[in-house]
Amino acid sequence: MPFEITNTQRSASIIRVADTGTTTVALANLAINANETVTSANIRRLTWSTNGNIQIIRNSVPVLMLHNSGTMMLDELNHTVANNNTSPIVITINTGGSVVMEVTKTATYATELTGM
């Protein structure tokens, strides 16, 4: 299943998944480089479209079940989906569709950043 991850240092990551199947996004996939170690990730925004359903699971716990199409701007509600946020994000698209999600991340750095 095609997917793309766009990472930004000290900021959010964007995950885009399309087609039918299952994609597992490990926290390490959200790091911008080897200096950054991501320790947790919370789902902040989602946009999806499917003619079946999309499941998002963390640590074997379903955290979201998405149908049809829609958008969740959880940051506008001052909220994130943080269930099992130290576990990989498993995205399963049944029957076809796509999902784009923004995740906030907590990270540590091997070499501390300066000048920010």
Protein backbone atom coordinates (compact mmCIF):
# COMPACT_ATOMS: atom_id res chain seq x y z
CA MET A 1 0.00 0.00 0.00
CA PRO A 2 1.54 3.37 -0.99
CA PHE A 3 2.33 5.77 1.80
CA GLU A 4 4.39 8.91 2.35
CA ILE A 5 5.65 10.55 5.52
CA THR A 6 6.77 14.18 5.63
CA ASN A 7 8.71 15.02 8.79
CA THR A 8 9.65 18.38 10.24
CA GLN A 9 12.16 18.84 13.01
CA ARG A 10 10.62 20.01 16.28
CA SER A 11 7.23 20.07 14.61
CA ALA A 12 4.50 17.80 13.26
CA SER A 13 4.70 14.94 10.76
CA ILE A 14 2.23 14.32 7.93
CA ILE A 15 1.31 10.72 7.05
CA ARG A 16 -0.46 9.97 3.75
CA VAL A 17 -1.73 6.44 3.00
CA ALA A 18 -3.68 5.34 -0.09
CA ASP A 19 -5.23 2.19 -1.58
CA THR A 20 -6.25 -1.04 0.17
CA GLY A 21 -4.19 -2.77 2.85
CA THR A 22 -2.35 -2.16 6.11
CA THR A 23 0.53 0.22 6.80
CA THR A 24 2.43 0.33 10.10
CA VAL A 25 4.15 3.61 10.93
CA ALA A 26 6.77 3.14 13.63
CA LEU A 27 7.70 6.14 15.77
CA ALA A 28 11.22 5.96 14.29
CA ASN A 29 9.68 6.74 10.87
CA LEU A 30 8.60 10.13 12.23
CA ALA A 31 12.15 11.33 12.99
CA ILE A 32 13.68 13.92 10.67
CA ASN A 33 17.16 12.38 11.04
CA ALA A 34 19.28 10.16 13.30
CA ASN A 35 19.72 13.00 15.81
CA GLU A 36 16.00 12.93 16.64
CA THR A 37 14.37 10.09 18.61
CA VAL A 38 10.58 10.25 18.63
CA THR A 39 9.14 8.94 21.91
CA SER A 40 5.41 9.55 21.29
CA ALA A 41 3.02 10.80 18.60
CA ASN A 42 -0.53 12.14 18.95
CA ILE A 43 -3.01 12.38 16.08
CA ARG A 44 -3.99 16.04 15.62
CA ARG A 45 -5.76 16.27 12.22
CA LEU A 46 -7.29 13.79 9.77
CA THR A 47 -8.78 13.95 6.30
CA TRP A 48 -10.06 10.76 4.67
CA SER A 49 -12.15 9.29 1.91
CA THR A 50 -13.13 5.64 1.52
CA ASN A 51 -15.82 3.48 -0.03
CA GLY A 52 -15.32 1.00 2.82
CA ASN A 53 -13.73 1.90 6.13
CA ILE A 54 -10.39 2.97 7.58
CA GLN A 55 -9.19 1.67 10.95
CA ILE A 56 -6.45 3.29 13.00
CA ILE A 57 -5.07 1.01 15.71
CA ARG A 58 -2.40 1.59 18.37
CA ASN A 59 -1.06 -1.26 20.51
CA SER A 60 -3.91 -3.54 19.32
CA VAL A 61 -6.47 -0.93 20.48
CA PRO A 62 -8.75 0.61 17.81
CA VAL A 63 -8.56 4.38 18.29
CA LEU A 64 -10.48 5.51 15.18
CA MET A 65 -12.90 3.93 12.68
CA LEU A 66 -13.54 6.15 9.67
CA HIS A 67 -16.30 5.80 7.04
CA ASN A 68 -17.24 7.75 3.87
CA SER A 69 -15.21 10.98 3.84
CA GLY A 70 -14.51 13.70 6.33
CA THR A 71 -12.13 15.90 8.23
CA MET A 72 -11.29 16.04 11.94
CA MET A 73 -9.48 19.17 13.08
CA LEU A 74 -8.92 18.04 16.65
CA ASP A 75 -6.49 20.87 17.38
CA GLU A 76 -9.38 23.32 16.98
CA LEU A 77 -10.98 21.52 19.94
CA ASN A 78 -7.67 21.68 21.84
CA HIS A 79 -7.55 17.87 21.67
CA THR A 80 -5.49 15.06 20.16
CA VAL A 81 -5.98 11.30 19.94
CA ALA A 82 -3.28 10.16 22.34
CA ASN A 83 -4.37 6.58 23.15
CA ASN A 84 -1.24 4.40 23.25
CA ASN A 85 0.81 7.26 21.80
CA THR A 86 4.11 5.43 22.36
CA SER A 87 3.03 2.60 20.01
CA PRO A 88 3.23 2.41 16.21
CA ILE A 89 0.28 3.73 14.19
CA VAL A 90 -1.37 0.91 12.22
CA ILE A 91 -3.60 2.14 9.40
CA THR A 92 -5.87 -0.35 7.60
CA ILE A 93 -7.89 0.74 4.59
CA ASN A 94 -10.63 -1.73 3.64
CA THR A 95 -12.11 -1.69 0.11
CA GLY A 96 -10.07 1.38 -0.95
CA GLY A 97 -9.53 5.00 -0.04
CA SER A 98 -6.97 7.35 1.39
CA VAL A 99 -6.16 9.13 4.62
CA VAL A 100 -3.91 12.08 5.43
CA MET A 101 -3.11 12.69 9.08
CA GLU A 102 -1.02 15.15 11.00
CA VAL A 103 0.65 13.93 14.17
CA THR A 104 2.40 15.94 16.84
CA LYS A 105 5.44 14.29 18.29
CA THR A 106 7.55 14.33 21.42
CA ALA A 107 11.24 13.78 20.76
CA THR A 108 14.67 13.79 22.32
CA TYR A 109 17.87 14.82 20.55
CA ALA A 110 21.31 13.22 20.64
CA THR A 111 22.85 16.65 20.05
CA GLU A 112 20.74 19.43 21.48
CA LEU A 113 19.61 22.09 19.03
CA THR A 114 20.88 25.61 19.65
CA GLY A 115 19.95 28.99 18.32
CA MET A 116 16.20 28.43 18.32
